[in-house]
Amino acid sequence: MVGRFASTPLMKYFSVPLITLIYGTLCSLFSLVAAFTGGQAGLASLFIIFFFESCIYPNVFTSE
C-alpha cells in the first residue's frame, strides 16, 4: 500500500507504461536476489518486491 501512495506522484511526470517497465524490472531483479541469497538480505528483497508490485497492479488498469 505504501508503494501505491509513493508512486502516485510519479504518474504525473512519467508515463504509466514506463513506470510499469521500471518497476517490473526491479521486481525481477529483487526476485533473483531473494532466490539466490538467504537470511536478512533475502527477506528484505521480498519486502522490496511487495513495494514495487503494489504499484504495478493499479497501473495495469489505468494504462492508456
N, C-alpha and C. Protein backbone atom coordinates (compact mmCIF):
# COMPACT_ATOMS: atom_id res chain seq x y z
N MET A 1 0.81 -1.19 0.00
CA MET A 1 0.00 0.00 0.00
C MET A 1 0.86 1.26 0.00
N VAL A 2 1.99 1.18 0.67
CA VAL A 2 2.89 2.33 0.70
C VAL A 2 3.41 2.63 -0.70
N GLY A 3 3.66 1.57 -1.48
CA GLY A 3 4.15 1.76 -2.84
C GLY A 3 3.17 2.50 -3.72
N ARG A 4 1.88 2.27 -3.52
CA ARG A 4 0.87 2.97 -4.33
C ARG A 4 0.89 4.47 -4.04
N PHE A 5 0.93 4.82 -2.77
CA PHE A 5 0.93 6.24 -2.42
C PHE A 5 2.25 6.92 -2.78
N ALA A 6 3.34 6.19 -2.69
CA ALA A 6 4.64 6.77 -3.03
C ALA A 6 4.80 6.94 -4.53
N SER A 7 4.14 6.10 -5.32
CA SER A 7 4.30 6.14 -6.77
C SER A 7 3.26 6.98 -7.49
N THR A 8 2.21 7.35 -6.82
CA THR A 8 1.17 8.14 -7.47
C THR A 8 1.69 9.47 -8.01
N PRO A 9 2.52 10.22 -7.29
CA PRO A 9 3.04 11.47 -7.87
C PRO A 9 3.91 11.25 -9.11
N LEU A 10 4.53 10.08 -9.22
CA LEU A 10 5.37 9.80 -10.39
C LEU A 10 4.54 9.74 -11.67
N MET A 11 3.27 9.35 -11.54
CA MET A 11 2.41 9.23 -12.72
C MET A 11 2.11 10.59 -13.35
N LYS A 12 2.34 11.65 -12.61
CA LYS A 12 2.13 12.99 -13.15
C LYS A 12 3.26 13.37 -14.10
N TYR A 13 4.46 12.85 -13.85
CA TYR A 13 5.62 13.24 -14.61
C TYR A 13 6.10 12.19 -15.62
N PHE A 14 5.73 10.93 -15.40
CA PHE A 14 6.19 9.84 -16.27
C PHE A 14 4.98 9.07 -16.77
N SER A 15 5.13 8.42 -17.93
CA SER A 15 4.03 7.64 -18.48
C SER A 15 3.86 6.35 -17.68
N VAL A 16 2.63 5.86 -17.67
CA VAL A 16 2.31 4.64 -16.92
C VAL A 16 3.09 3.44 -17.46
N PRO A 17 3.20 3.26 -18.78
CA PRO A 17 4.00 2.11 -19.25
C PRO A 17 5.47 2.17 -18.83
N LEU A 18 6.04 3.37 -18.76
CA LEU A 18 7.42 3.49 -18.32
C LEU A 18 7.57 3.10 -16.85
N ILE A 19 6.67 3.56 -16.01
CA ILE A 19 6.71 3.21 -14.60
C ILE A 19 6.55 1.70 -14.43
N THR A 20 5.62 1.11 -15.18
CA THR A 20 5.40 -0.33 -15.09
C THR A 20 6.64 -1.09 -15.55
N LEU A 21 7.30 -0.62 -16.60
CA LEU A 21 8.52 -1.27 -17.08
C LEU A 21 9.62 -1.22 -16.03
N ILE A 22 9.82 -0.07 -15.45
CA ILE A 22 10.89 0.09 -14.45
C ILE A 22 10.59 -0.75 -13.21
N TYR A 23 9.36 -0.67 -12.72
CA TYR A 23 9.01 -1.41 -11.52
C TYR A 23 9.00 -2.92 -11.77
N GLY A 24 8.59 -3.34 -12.94
CA GLY A 24 8.63 -4.77 -13.28
C GLY A 24 10.05 -5.28 -13.35
N THR A 25 10.94 -4.48 -13.92
CA THR A 25 12.35 -4.85 -13.98
C THR A 25 12.95 -4.95 -12.59
N LEU A 26 12.61 -4.00 -11.73
CA LEU A 26 13.12 -4.05 -10.36
C LEU A 26 12.56 -5.24 -9.59
N CYS A 27 11.30 -5.59 -9.84
CA CYS A 27 10.73 -6.78 -9.21
C CYS A 27 11.49 -8.03 -9.64
N SER A 28 11.81 -8.12 -10.92
CA SER A 28 12.56 -9.27 -11.42
C SER A 28 13.96 -9.32 -10.80
N LEU A 29 14.60 -8.18 -10.70
CA LEU A 29 15.93 -8.12 -10.12
C LEU A 29 15.92 -8.56 -8.66
N PHE A 30 15.00 -8.02 -7.89
CA PHE A 30 14.94 -8.36 -6.48
C PHE A 30 14.43 -9.78 -6.26
N SER A 31 13.70 -10.35 -7.21
CA SER A 31 13.32 -11.75 -7.13
C SER A 31 14.55 -12.64 -7.24
N LEU A 32 15.46 -12.28 -8.13
CA LEU A 32 16.71 -13.03 -8.24
C LEU A 32 17.54 -12.90 -6.97
N VAL A 33 17.58 -11.71 -6.42
CA VAL A 33 18.32 -11.51 -5.17
C VAL A 33 17.71 -12.37 -4.06
N ALA A 34 16.39 -12.40 -3.97
CA ALA A 34 15.73 -13.19 -2.94
C ALA A 34 15.95 -14.68 -3.15
N ALA A 35 16.04 -15.10 -4.41
CA ALA A 35 16.20 -16.52 -4.70
C ALA A 35 17.62 -17.02 -4.41
N PHE A 36 18.60 -16.17 -4.64
CA PHE A 36 19.98 -16.61 -4.53
C PHE A 36 20.70 -16.17 -3.26
N THR A 37 20.06 -15.38 -2.45
CA THR A 37 20.64 -15.02 -1.16
C THR A 37 19.70 -15.47 -0.07
N GLY A 38 20.22 -15.61 1.08
CA GLY A 38 19.38 -16.04 2.19
C GLY A 38 19.46 -15.03 3.32
N GLY A 39 18.83 -15.38 4.38
CA GLY A 39 18.89 -14.55 5.58
C GLY A 39 18.14 -13.24 5.43
N GLN A 40 18.70 -12.22 6.05
CA GLN A 40 18.03 -10.93 6.07
C GLN A 40 18.02 -10.24 4.71
N ALA A 41 19.02 -10.49 3.89
CA ALA A 41 19.05 -9.88 2.56
C ALA A 41 17.93 -10.43 1.69
N GLY A 42 17.69 -11.73 1.76
CA GLY A 42 16.60 -12.33 1.00
C GLY A 42 15.24 -11.87 1.49
N LEU A 43 15.10 -11.76 2.80
CA LEU A 43 13.84 -11.28 3.37
C LEU A 43 13.59 -9.82 3.02
N ALA A 44 14.61 -9.01 3.06
CA ALA A 44 14.47 -7.60 2.68
C ALA A 44 14.10 -7.48 1.21
N SER A 45 14.66 -8.35 0.38
CA SER A 45 14.32 -8.33 -1.05
C SER A 45 12.85 -8.65 -1.27
N LEU A 46 12.30 -9.56 -0.50
CA LEU A 46 10.88 -9.88 -0.62
C LEU A 46 10.00 -8.68 -0.28
N PHE A 47 10.37 -7.95 0.75
CA PHE A 47 9.58 -6.77 1.10
C PHE A 47 9.71 -5.67 0.05
N ILE A 48 10.88 -5.57 -0.55
CA ILE A 48 11.06 -4.59 -1.62
C ILE A 48 10.22 -4.97 -2.83
N ILE A 49 10.13 -6.28 -3.11
CA ILE A 49 9.28 -6.75 -4.20
C ILE A 49 7.83 -6.38 -3.94
N PHE A 50 7.36 -6.55 -2.72
CA PHE A 50 5.98 -6.17 -2.39
C PHE A 50 5.75 -4.68 -2.62
N PHE A 51 6.76 -3.87 -2.32
CA PHE A 51 6.64 -2.42 -2.54
C PHE A 51 6.42 -2.12 -4.01
N PHE A 52 7.23 -2.69 -4.88
CA PHE A 52 7.12 -2.41 -6.31
C PHE A 52 5.89 -3.04 -6.93
N GLU A 53 5.48 -4.22 -6.46
CA GLU A 53 4.28 -4.87 -7.00
C GLU A 53 3.02 -4.09 -6.66
N SER A 54 3.00 -3.41 -5.54
CA SER A 54 1.79 -2.69 -5.15
C SER A 54 1.48 -1.55 -6.10
N CYS A 55 2.45 -1.06 -6.82
CA CYS A 55 2.21 -0.01 -7.81
C CYS A 55 1.88 -0.59 -9.17
N ILE A 56 2.40 -1.76 -9.49
CA ILE A 56 2.17 -2.35 -10.81
C ILE A 56 0.69 -2.71 -10.99
N TYR A 57 0.07 -3.24 -9.97
CA TYR A 57 -1.32 -3.70 -10.10
C TYR A 57 -2.27 -2.58 -10.52
N PRO A 58 -2.30 -1.41 -9.87
CA PRO A 58 -3.21 -0.36 -10.34
C PRO A 58 -2.80 0.24 -11.69
N ASN A 59 -1.52 0.18 -12.02
CA ASN A 59 -1.08 0.71 -13.31
C ASN A 59 -1.64 -0.10 -14.47
N VAL A 60 -1.87 -1.36 -14.29
CA VAL A 60 -2.40 -2.20 -15.36
C VAL A 60 -3.78 -1.71 -15.75
N PHE A 61 -4.56 -1.25 -14.80
CA PHE A 61 -5.92 -0.83 -15.07
C PHE A 61 -6.04 0.64 -15.47
N THR A 62 -4.95 1.40 -15.34
CA THR A 62 -5.01 2.82 -15.72
C THR A 62 -4.19 3.13 -16.95
N SER A 63 -3.61 2.11 -17.56
CA SER A 63 -2.76 2.39 -18.73
C SER A 63 -3.59 2.88 -19.91
N GLU A 64 -2.96 3.61 -20.75
CA GLU A 64 -3.64 4.28 -21.87
C GLU A 64 -3.96 3.34 -22.99
